[in-house]
């Protein structure tokens, strides 16, 4: 689903919408953090977002039996959409 991620140099890159879905956070919170980081800095994901993401990935894995990012995205997007 191209609105959630794209493949760059063979690697998946999450969009802000994709991050919102995986982390279970409001899109505007992700966009604001990205805006504050600016275009010249690497966007560092806050530790609490990482914890949320790991928990949500485990829940998606338990529900789907799959361990890949795409499956987790589709699970959460289907369940909650983009907030």
C-alpha atoms as a PDB file:
ATOM      1  CA  UNK A   1       0.000   0.000   0.000  1.00  0.00           C
ATOM      2  CA  UNK A   2       1.904   2.988  -1.305  1.00  0.00           C
ATOM      3  CA  UNK A   3       0.392   5.521   1.082  1.00  0.00           C
ATOM      4  CA  UNK A   4       1.918   3.631   4.031  1.00  0.00           C
ATOM      5  CA  UNK A   5       5.388   2.800   2.714  1.00  0.00           C
ATOM      6  CA  UNK A   6       7.593   2.788  -0.357  1.00  0.00           C
ATOM      7  CA  UNK A   7      10.617   0.762  -1.394  1.00  0.00           C
ATOM      8  CA  UNK A   8      13.822   2.827  -1.717  1.00  0.00           C
ATOM      9  CA  UNK A   9      17.041   1.089  -2.738  1.00  0.00           C
ATOM     10  CA  UNK A  10      15.416  -2.245  -1.944  1.00  0.00           C
ATOM     11  CA  UNK A  11      14.423  -1.234   1.591  1.00  0.00           C
ATOM     12  CA  UNK A  12      10.930  -0.383   2.876  1.00  0.00           C
ATOM     13  CA  UNK A  13      10.584   3.213   4.043  1.00  0.00           C
ATOM     14  CA  UNK A  14       7.528   4.078   6.126  1.00  0.00           C
ATOM     15  CA  UNK A  15       5.536   7.190   5.356  1.00  0.00           C
ATOM     16  CA  UNK A  16       4.187   9.282   8.221  1.00  0.00           C
ATOM     17  CA  UNK A  17       0.861   7.467   7.713  1.00  0.00           C
ATOM     18  CA  UNK A  18       2.636   4.120   7.952  1.00  0.00           C
ATOM     19  CA  UNK A  19       4.354   5.190  11.156  1.00  0.00           C
ATOM     20  CA  UNK A  20       1.007   6.298  12.603  1.00  0.00           C
ATOM     21  CA  UNK A  21      -0.486   2.884  11.793  1.00  0.00           C
ATOM     22  CA  UNK A  22       2.418   0.839  13.201  1.00  0.00           C
ATOM     23  CA  UNK A  23       2.858   2.934  16.333  1.00  0.00           C
ATOM     24  CA  UNK A  24      -0.875   3.473  16.927  1.00  0.00           C
ATOM     25  CA  UNK A  25      -0.418   7.228  17.185  1.00  0.00           C
ATOM     26  CA  UNK A  26      -2.358  10.133  15.679  1.00  0.00           C
ATOM     27  CA  UNK A  27      -1.031  11.137  12.266  1.00  0.00           C
ATOM     28  CA  UNK A  28      -0.668  14.774  13.316  1.00  0.00           C
ATOM     29  CA  UNK A  29       1.668  13.754  16.165  1.00  0.00           C
ATOM     30  CA  UNK A  30       3.921  11.883  13.715  1.00  0.00           C
ATOM     31  CA  UNK A  31       3.841  14.752  11.208  1.00  0.00           C
ATOM     32  CA  UNK A  32       4.717  17.322  13.875  1.00  0.00           C
ATOM     33  CA  UNK A  33       7.681  15.275  15.104  1.00  0.00           C
ATOM     34  CA  UNK A  34       8.870  14.842  11.518  1.00  0.00           C
ATOM     35  CA  UNK A  35       8.488  18.576  10.855  1.00  0.00           C
ATOM     36  CA  UNK A  36      10.498  19.422  13.977  1.00  0.00           C
ATOM     37  CA  UNK A  37      13.284  17.078  12.846  1.00  0.00           C
ATOM     38  CA  UNK A  38      13.577  18.991   9.580  1.00  0.00           C
ATOM     39  CA  UNK A  39      14.892  17.756   6.263  1.00  0.00           C
ATOM     40  CA  UNK A  40      18.605  17.870   7.108  1.00  0.00           C
ATOM     41  CA  UNK A  41      18.471  15.662  10.190  1.00  0.00           C
ATOM     42  CA  UNK A  42      17.850  11.973  10.581  1.00  0.00           C
ATOM     43  CA  UNK A  43      14.463  11.438  12.199  1.00  0.00           C
ATOM     44  CA  UNK A  44      15.038   9.569  15.459  1.00  0.00           C
ATOM     45  CA  UNK A  45      12.035   7.616  16.641  1.00  0.00           C
ATOM     46  CA  UNK A  46      11.301   8.261  20.335  1.00  0.00           C
ATOM     47  CA  UNK A  47      11.819   5.300  22.670  1.00  0.00           C
ATOM     48  CA  UNK A  48       8.161   5.218  23.747  1.00  0.00           C
ATOM     49  CA  UNK A  49       7.092   4.970  20.099  1.00  0.00           C
ATOM     50  CA  UNK A  50       9.509   2.068  19.633  1.00  0.00           C
ATOM     51  CA  UNK A  51       8.010   0.269  22.650  1.00  0.00           C
ATOM     52  CA  UNK A  52       4.504   0.780  21.253  1.00  0.00           C
ATOM     53  CA  UNK A  53       5.652  -0.489  17.872  1.00  0.00           C
ATOM     54  CA  UNK A  54       7.190  -3.648  19.328  1.00  0.00           C
ATOM     55  CA  UNK A  55       4.032  -4.429  21.317  1.00  0.00           C
ATOM     56  CA  UNK A  56       1.821  -3.822  18.295  1.00  0.00           C
ATOM     57  CA  UNK A  57       4.102  -5.944  16.084  1.00  0.00           C
ATOM     58  CA  UNK A  58       3.803  -8.823  18.566  1.00  0.00           C
ATOM     59  CA  UNK A  59       0.021  -8.478  18.622  1.00  0.00           C
ATOM     60  CA  UNK A  60      -0.126  -8.453  14.818  1.00  0.00           C
ATOM     61  CA  UNK A  61       2.142 -11.523  14.703  1.00  0.00           C
ATOM     62  CA  UNK A  62      -0.076 -13.373  17.174  1.00  0.00           C
ATOM     63  CA  UNK A  63      -3.172 -12.520  15.130  1.00  0.00           C
ATOM     64  CA  UNK A  64      -1.767 -13.229  11.665  1.00  0.00           C
ATOM     65  CA  UNK A  65       1.068 -15.699  12.189  1.00  0.00           C
ATOM     66  CA  UNK A  66       3.260 -13.432  10.038  1.00  0.00           C
ATOM     67  CA  UNK A  67       6.374 -11.530  11.130  1.00  0.00           C
ATOM     68  CA  UNK A  68       6.882  -9.056   8.286  1.00  0.00           C
ATOM     69  CA  UNK A  69       6.201  -5.317   8.351  1.00  0.00           C
ATOM     70  CA  UNK A  70       3.665  -5.460   5.523  1.00  0.00           C
ATOM     71  CA  UNK A  71       1.508  -7.964   7.415  1.00  0.00           C
ATOM     72  CA  UNK A  72       1.643  -5.844  10.569  1.00  0.00           C
ATOM     73  CA  UNK A  73       0.716  -2.728   8.575  1.00  0.00           C
ATOM     74  CA  UNK A  74      -2.231  -4.476   6.924  1.00  0.00           C
ATOM     75  CA  UNK A  75      -3.404  -5.914  10.245  1.00  0.00           C
ATOM     76  CA  UNK A  76      -3.417  -2.555  12.025  1.00  0.00           C
ATOM     77  CA  UNK A  77      -4.645  -0.577   9.008  1.00  0.00           C
ATOM     78  CA  UNK A  78      -7.571  -2.969   8.664  1.00  0.00           C
ATOM     79  CA  UNK A  79      -8.303  -2.805  12.367  1.00  0.00           C
ATOM     80  CA  UNK A  80      -7.866   0.940  13.007  1.00  0.00           C
ATOM     81  CA  UNK A  81      -7.047   2.746   9.777  1.00  0.00           C
ATOM     82  CA  UNK A  82      -5.039   5.959  10.146  1.00  0.00           C
ATOM     83  CA  UNK A  83      -5.911   8.030  13.181  1.00  0.00           C
END
